[in-house]
């Protein structure tokens, strides 16, 4: 079987979206849609799967995506996420690529501790795929952000969070916040203090960047898809689709020109 452009279709990629009902804020569903479309344009069939609270986790997947949500959404999904933590950790150790945004990023760490002003709120235990922990704060980090990364170049997105995340010794930052503004401020990112943004471990990426993130960052989307194809086929068969990226470049330019 071949595509319209003559490329042979590969086996179907299984992409799993975690908790789309509770964790889909600031357009995060667009990440899954971007992965689906780019995979199809590159000649691969895609099977989209969803996991909601109380559902059965599929037996195997090639890529996992989680979005951001309000604190109430995190409270709702945390017990179910922990129930499936062993399966998710097994996939991560098998190099299944994963992209976790904001609230999902926090719960893929060790713990989210609510701010002192949120009296009565219990800490939310995560599933410890990423060596990070998050504490709530009265401070809120909001605005467009450019992150300089070694693997993906400049990554562009929009942050809006009051959780402040610190990296443990086994965590590697996704990148560092690019300076912006008249005073070359670098506030923002994981915690507004150390200049880091996100975390990456094996093929698992956590980040605070919404937007949706992947439409403005095709290099990152193609990296995730490349890892997914490698997982499905055992071969380095993914090639980025040859499409007009002019709108993507303009979206990145505008976002980078309006940092906060």
Protein backbone atom coordinates (compact mmCIF):
# COMPACT_ATOMS: atom_id res chain seq x y z
CA UNK A 1 0.00 0.00 0.00
CA UNK A 2 1.31 3.47 -0.80
CA UNK A 3 0.45 7.06 -0.06
CA UNK A 4 -0.48 9.66 -2.61
CA UNK A 5 3.14 10.81 -2.74
CA UNK A 6 4.34 7.29 -3.40
CA UNK A 7 5.79 6.47 0.01
CA UNK A 8 5.10 2.99 1.36
CA UNK A 9 2.82 3.03 4.38
CA UNK A 10 4.32 1.70 7.56
CA UNK A 11 2.55 -0.21 10.32
CA UNK A 12 -0.01 1.67 12.37
CA UNK A 13 1.41 3.76 15.19
CA UNK A 14 -0.53 3.55 18.45
CA UNK A 15 -0.71 6.99 20.09
CA UNK A 16 -2.26 7.18 23.56
CA UNK A 17 -3.75 10.37 24.98
CA UNK A 18 -4.04 10.33 28.79
CA UNK A 19 -7.14 11.85 30.41
CA UNK A 20 -8.31 14.11 27.55
CA UNK A 21 -11.43 15.09 29.52
CA UNK A 22 -9.54 16.46 32.53
CA UNK A 23 -6.15 17.37 31.05
CA UNK A 24 -6.71 19.41 27.91
CA UNK A 25 -6.14 23.11 28.54
CA UNK A 26 -4.68 25.82 26.28
CA UNK A 27 -5.08 23.62 23.22
CA UNK A 28 -3.00 20.67 24.43
CA UNK A 29 -5.13 18.25 22.36
CA UNK A 30 -3.42 19.92 19.39
CA UNK A 31 -0.26 18.00 20.27
CA UNK A 32 -1.96 14.68 19.57
CA UNK A 33 -3.55 16.01 16.40
CA UNK A 34 -0.15 17.26 15.18
CA UNK A 35 1.44 13.87 15.81
CA UNK A 36 -1.37 12.13 13.96
CA UNK A 37 -1.20 14.41 10.93
CA UNK A 38 2.59 14.44 10.62
CA UNK A 39 2.73 10.66 10.91
CA UNK A 40 0.09 10.31 8.20
CA UNK A 41 1.88 12.79 5.95
CA UNK A 42 5.04 10.73 6.43
CA UNK A 43 3.23 7.60 5.27
CA UNK A 44 2.14 5.92 8.51
CA UNK A 45 -1.27 4.80 9.64
CA UNK A 46 -2.22 6.02 13.12
CA UNK A 47 -4.44 4.48 15.75
CA UNK A 48 -5.51 7.06 18.35
CA UNK A 49 -6.28 5.73 21.81
CA UNK A 50 -7.63 7.50 24.89
CA UNK A 51 -7.41 6.59 28.55
CA UNK A 52 -9.89 8.05 31.01
CA UNK A 53 -10.36 7.52 34.75
CA UNK A 54 -11.44 3.95 35.46
CA UNK A 55 -10.59 2.70 31.98
CA UNK A 56 -8.30 -0.12 30.91
CA UNK A 57 -4.81 0.86 29.80
CA UNK A 58 -3.97 -0.65 26.38
CA UNK A 59 -1.51 -3.52 26.31
CA UNK A 60 0.99 -1.73 24.09
CA UNK A 61 1.50 1.74 22.67
CA UNK A 62 4.15 3.59 20.70
CA UNK A 63 3.71 7.13 22.02
CA UNK A 64 2.00 8.65 25.09
CA UNK A 65 0.74 12.24 25.37
CA UNK A 66 -0.62 14.05 28.43
CA UNK A 67 -1.91 17.60 28.66
CA UNK A 68 -2.25 20.25 31.30
CA UNK A 69 -5.23 20.90 33.53
CA UNK A 70 -6.44 22.81 36.54
CA UNK A 71 -5.60 21.61 40.05
CA UNK A 72 -9.02 19.95 40.25
CA UNK A 73 -8.15 17.90 37.19
CA UNK A 74 -4.90 16.75 38.75
CA UNK A 75 -6.68 15.75 41.94
CA UNK A 76 -9.21 13.77 39.88
CA UNK A 77 -6.69 11.81 37.79
CA UNK A 78 -3.91 11.24 40.35
CA UNK A 79 -5.29 8.03 41.94
CA UNK A 80 -5.97 6.44 38.54
CA UNK A 81 -2.56 7.50 37.24
CA UNK A 82 -0.89 5.85 40.23
CA UNK A 83 -2.85 2.64 39.59
CA UNK A 84 -1.28 2.50 36.14
CA UNK A 85 2.10 3.83 37.23
CA UNK A 86 3.89 0.48 36.92
CA UNK A 87 2.72 0.06 33.32
CA UNK A 88 3.77 3.59 32.40
CA UNK A 89 7.17 3.13 34.05
CA UNK A 90 7.64 -0.12 32.13
CA UNK A 91 6.90 1.67 28.88
CA UNK A 92 9.28 4.51 29.76
CA UNK A 93 12.05 2.00 30.49
CA UNK A 94 11.34 0.38 27.11
CA UNK A 95 11.96 3.80 25.50
CA UNK A 96 8.36 4.51 24.51
CA UNK A 97 8.37 8.27 23.80
CA UNK A 98 6.13 10.42 25.97
CA UNK A 99 5.24 14.12 26.07
CA UNK A 100 3.78 15.43 29.31
CA UNK A 101 2.55 19.02 29.59
CA UNK A 102 2.19 21.10 32.78
CA UNK A 103 -0.06 19.20 35.22
CA UNK A 104 0.81 15.86 33.62
CA UNK A 105 4.49 16.80 33.83
CA UNK A 106 4.09 17.46 37.56
CA UNK A 107 2.40 14.09 38.19
CA UNK A 108 5.08 12.24 36.23
CA UNK A 109 7.44 13.46 38.97
CA UNK A 110 7.54 12.40 42.60
CA UNK A 111 5.05 14.75 44.23
CA UNK A 112 3.04 17.94 43.91
CA UNK A 113 2.80 19.80 47.23
CA UNK A 114 0.04 22.45 47.30
CA UNK A 115 0.88 26.00 48.34
CA UNK A 116 0.66 26.94 52.01
CA UNK A 117 -2.37 29.12 51.32
CA UNK A 118 -4.24 26.06 50.02
CA UNK A 119 -4.82 24.82 53.56
CA UNK A 120 -6.23 21.32 53.78
CA UNK A 121 -4.99 20.26 50.37
CA UNK A 122 -3.04 17.02 50.52
CA UNK A 123 0.16 16.45 48.53
CA UNK A 124 -0.43 14.55 45.30
CA UNK A 125 1.96 11.64 44.89
CA UNK A 126 3.21 11.17 41.34
CA UNK A 127 4.56 8.13 39.50
CA UNK A 128 8.27 9.08 39.58
CA UNK A 129 9.12 8.62 35.91
CA UNK A 130 10.87 11.99 36.03
CA UNK A 131 13.16 12.95 38.93
CA UNK A 132 11.33 16.18 39.73
CA UNK A 133 9.08 17.50 42.46
CA UNK A 134 6.72 20.46 42.44
CA UNK A 135 5.51 22.84 45.12
CA UNK A 136 2.62 25.24 44.74
CA UNK A 137 3.29 28.95 45.09
CA UNK A 138 1.53 32.30 45.23
CA UNK A 139 3.79 33.26 42.32
CA UNK A 140 2.43 32.62 38.84
CA UNK A 141 4.59 32.28 35.72
CA UNK A 142 2.68 33.41 32.63
CA UNK A 143 3.65 34.25 29.07
CA UNK A 144 5.32 33.14 25.87
CA UNK A 145 8.65 31.46 26.40
CA UNK A 146 11.59 30.49 24.22
CA UNK A 147 13.68 27.60 25.50
CA UNK A 148 17.15 26.87 24.12
CA UNK A 149 17.73 23.13 23.90
CA UNK A 150 20.63 21.01 22.70
CA UNK A 151 18.50 18.45 20.87
CA UNK A 152 15.71 20.52 19.35
CA UNK A 153 17.07 24.04 18.93
CA UNK A 154 14.78 26.82 20.15
CA UNK A 155 11.49 25.49 21.49
CA UNK A 156 8.60 27.98 21.67
CA UNK A 157 5.48 27.79 23.84
CA UNK A 158 3.22 29.45 26.39
CA UNK A 159 3.43 28.86 30.14
CA UNK A 160 0.81 29.54 32.82
CA UNK A 161 1.47 27.79 36.12
CA UNK A 162 1.94 28.43 39.83
CA UNK A 163 3.62 25.10 40.54
CA UNK A 164 7.38 25.51 40.89
CA UNK A 165 9.33 22.44 39.84
CA UNK A 166 12.83 21.51 40.96
CA UNK A 167 15.00 18.93 39.22
CA UNK A 168 16.60 16.07 41.12
CA UNK A 169 20.09 14.67 40.43
CA UNK A 170 18.76 12.17 37.88
CA UNK A 171 16.85 14.80 35.92
CA UNK A 172 18.13 16.67 32.88
CA UNK A 173 16.47 19.94 31.94
CA UNK A 174 14.82 20.07 28.53
CA UNK A 175 16.58 23.40 28.07
CA UNK A 176 17.21 26.87 29.42
CA UNK A 177 14.97 29.91 29.23
CA UNK A 178 16.14 32.45 26.66
CA UNK A 179 16.56 36.01 28.00
CA UNK A 180 13.86 38.51 27.06
CA UNK A 181 12.78 42.07 27.76
CA UNK A 182 14.71 45.25 28.43
CA UNK A 183 16.53 43.77 31.42
CA UNK A 184 17.20 40.39 29.78
CA UNK A 185 14.94 38.72 32.32
CA UNK A 186 14.94 34.92 32.39
CA UNK A 187 12.11 34.48 34.89
CA UNK A 188 9.88 31.59 33.96
CA UNK A 189 10.42 27.95 33.14
CA UNK A 190 10.45 25.29 35.84
CA UNK A 191 10.56 27.61 38.82
CA UNK A 192 11.42 31.17 37.78
CA UNK A 193 14.77 30.98 39.56
CA UNK A 194 17.31 28.58 38.04
CA UNK A 195 16.70 29.25 34.33
CA UNK A 196 15.72 25.66 33.50
CA UNK A 197 12.60 24.54 31.66
CA UNK A 198 11.17 21.06 31.50
CA UNK A 199 12.88 17.74 31.99
CA UNK A 200 13.90 14.83 29.77
CA UNK A 201 14.72 11.26 30.71
CA UNK A 202 15.27 8.56 28.09
CA UNK A 203 12.45 9.35 25.62
CA UNK A 204 10.14 11.04 28.17
CA UNK A 205 9.75 14.82 27.99
CA UNK A 206 7.99 16.98 30.57
CA UNK A 207 7.44 20.69 29.99
CA UNK A 208 5.26 23.61 31.04
CA UNK A 209 4.83 24.80 27.45
CA UNK A 210 1.30 24.92 26.08
CA UNK A 211 0.25 26.48 22.84
CA UNK A 212 -0.34 23.74 21.67
CA UNK A 213 3.40 23.01 21.77
CA UNK A 214 3.99 20.72 18.80
CA UNK A 215 2.40 22.75 15.95
CA UNK A 216 5.04 25.44 16.57
CA UNK A 217 7.83 22.94 17.14
CA UNK A 218 7.84 20.36 14.32
CA UNK A 219 11.41 19.28 15.13
CA UNK A 220 10.20 18.08 18.51
CA UNK A 221 7.12 16.42 16.98
CA UNK A 222 9.27 14.58 14.45
CA UNK A 223 11.69 13.42 17.16
CA UNK A 224 8.79 11.88 19.10
CA UNK A 225 7.45 10.22 15.96
CA UNK A 226 10.89 8.91 15.05
CA UNK A 227 11.16 7.25 18.44
CA UNK A 228 7.61 5.87 18.07
CA UNK A 229 8.38 4.34 14.68
CA UNK A 230 11.59 2.84 16.05
CA UNK A 231 9.58 1.31 18.90
CA UNK A 232 6.95 -0.13 16.53
CA UNK A 233 9.24 -1.41 13.78
CA UNK A 234 12.67 -1.75 15.36
CA UNK A 235 14.00 0.35 12.48
CA UNK A 236 14.87 4.02 11.96
CA UNK A 237 12.21 4.44 9.27
CA UNK A 238 10.62 7.80 10.05
CA UNK A 239 11.40 10.73 7.78
CA UNK A 240 9.91 14.17 8.37
CA UNK A 241 7.16 14.96 5.85
CA UNK A 242 8.00 17.43 3.11
CA UNK A 243 5.36 20.10 3.67
CA UNK A 244 5.11 23.89 3.63
CA UNK A 245 6.17 25.06 7.12
CA UNK A 246 5.82 28.80 6.40
CA UNK A 247 2.83 29.23 8.74
CA UNK A 248 4.76 27.40 11.47
CA UNK A 249 7.74 29.70 11.03
CA UNK A 250 5.50 32.78 11.25
CA UNK A 251 3.77 31.47 14.40
CA UNK A 252 7.17 30.93 16.00
CA UNK A 253 8.35 34.40 14.98
CA UNK A 254 5.29 36.09 16.49
CA UNK A 255 5.51 34.10 19.72
CA UNK A 256 9.21 34.84 20.12
CA UNK A 257 8.59 38.56 19.55
CA UNK A 258 6.01 38.70 22.37
CA UNK A 259 7.82 36.93 25.20
CA UNK A 260 5.71 38.01 28.22
